[in-house]
């Protein structure tokens, strides 16, 4: 009989071999993976420059000003939180 511990220990190796052999035998799949990686590159590298400018670098001169601005945007103001607590 097979030892359950030995089967569990061999499971990661079997999974690795399954994918390794599958990728080696692919023909159309390689082309599809290349298309996927090109699309990801376009999405994350190229479009970032056009649609996501570095706002903090252009508006503020040093890290302290940037940190203060981010903190101000992320935390509610004291006046606003007091009114919310009173139900106004």
Protein backbone atom coordinates (compact mmCIF):
# COMPACT_ATOMS: atom_id res chain seq x y z
CA UNK A 1 0.00 0.00 0.00
CA UNK A 2 1.03 3.58 -0.57
CA UNK A 3 2.01 5.65 2.40
CA UNK A 4 -0.25 8.78 2.61
CA UNK A 5 2.69 10.93 3.79
CA UNK A 6 4.75 9.86 0.79
CA UNK A 7 1.87 10.73 -1.55
CA UNK A 8 1.53 14.18 0.04
CA UNK A 9 5.25 14.80 -0.20
CA UNK A 10 5.18 13.86 -3.86
CA UNK A 11 2.15 16.06 -4.65
CA UNK A 12 4.09 19.32 -5.22
CA UNK A 13 6.55 17.43 -7.41
CA UNK A 14 3.71 15.90 -9.41
CA UNK A 15 2.07 19.30 -9.87
CA UNK A 16 5.35 20.85 -11.02
CA UNK A 17 5.95 18.03 -13.50
CA UNK A 18 2.38 18.30 -14.81
CA UNK A 19 2.78 21.98 -15.66
CA UNK A 20 6.35 21.59 -16.91
CA UNK A 21 5.38 18.83 -19.34
CA UNK A 22 2.25 20.71 -20.39
CA UNK A 23 4.19 23.87 -21.24
CA UNK A 24 6.79 21.89 -23.15
CA UNK A 25 4.16 20.30 -25.39
CA UNK A 26 2.24 23.51 -26.11
CA UNK A 27 2.30 24.99 -29.59
CA UNK A 28 -0.65 27.37 -29.79
CA UNK A 29 -0.46 28.03 -26.06
CA UNK A 30 2.97 29.64 -26.35
CA UNK A 31 1.60 32.19 -28.78
CA UNK A 32 -1.34 32.87 -26.47
CA UNK A 33 0.99 33.38 -23.49
CA UNK A 34 3.06 35.81 -25.54
CA UNK A 35 -0.08 37.77 -26.39
CA UNK A 36 -1.08 37.82 -22.71
CA UNK A 37 2.34 39.16 -21.64
CA UNK A 38 2.30 41.82 -24.36
CA UNK A 39 -1.16 42.95 -23.26
CA UNK A 40 -0.06 43.12 -19.63
CA UNK A 41 2.98 45.15 -20.61
CA UNK A 42 0.81 47.58 -22.54
CA UNK A 43 -1.67 47.89 -19.67
CA UNK A 44 0.84 48.44 -16.90
CA UNK A 45 3.78 50.12 -18.59
CA UNK A 46 2.51 52.15 -21.51
CA UNK A 47 -0.94 53.26 -20.32
CA UNK A 48 0.47 54.34 -16.96
CA UNK A 49 2.30 57.21 -18.60
CA UNK A 50 -0.81 58.48 -20.41
CA UNK A 51 -3.55 58.05 -17.82
CA UNK A 52 -1.82 58.05 -14.43
CA UNK A 53 0.50 61.04 -14.13
CA UNK A 54 2.58 61.40 -10.98
CA UNK A 55 0.38 63.99 -9.29
CA UNK A 56 2.35 64.16 -6.05
CA UNK A 57 5.67 64.75 -7.79
CA UNK A 58 4.28 67.58 -9.91
CA UNK A 59 2.33 69.37 -7.16
CA UNK A 60 4.70 69.14 -4.20
CA UNK A 61 8.42 69.77 -3.84
CA UNK A 62 9.43 67.48 -0.97
CA UNK A 63 8.36 64.27 0.74
CA UNK A 64 7.01 66.04 3.82
CA UNK A 65 4.46 68.00 1.76
CA UNK A 66 3.45 64.83 -0.08
CA UNK A 67 2.99 62.92 3.16
CA UNK A 68 0.90 65.70 4.68
CA UNK A 69 -1.34 65.84 1.60
CA UNK A 70 -1.88 62.06 1.58
CA UNK A 71 -2.62 62.03 5.31
CA UNK A 72 -5.09 64.88 4.84
CA UNK A 73 -6.87 63.02 2.04
CA UNK A 74 -7.04 59.69 3.89
CA UNK A 75 -8.18 60.87 7.29
CA UNK A 76 -11.42 62.75 7.92
CA UNK A 77 -11.19 66.26 9.30
CA UNK A 78 -11.84 66.79 13.00
CA UNK A 79 -14.83 69.05 12.38
CA UNK A 80 -16.44 66.56 10.01
CA UNK A 81 -16.03 63.60 12.35
CA UNK A 82 -17.50 65.55 15.30
CA UNK A 83 -20.61 66.37 13.29
CA UNK A 84 -20.99 62.75 12.23
CA UNK A 85 -20.75 61.60 15.86
CA UNK A 86 -23.54 64.01 16.88
CA UNK A 87 -25.77 62.82 14.05
CA UNK A 88 -25.82 66.09 12.14
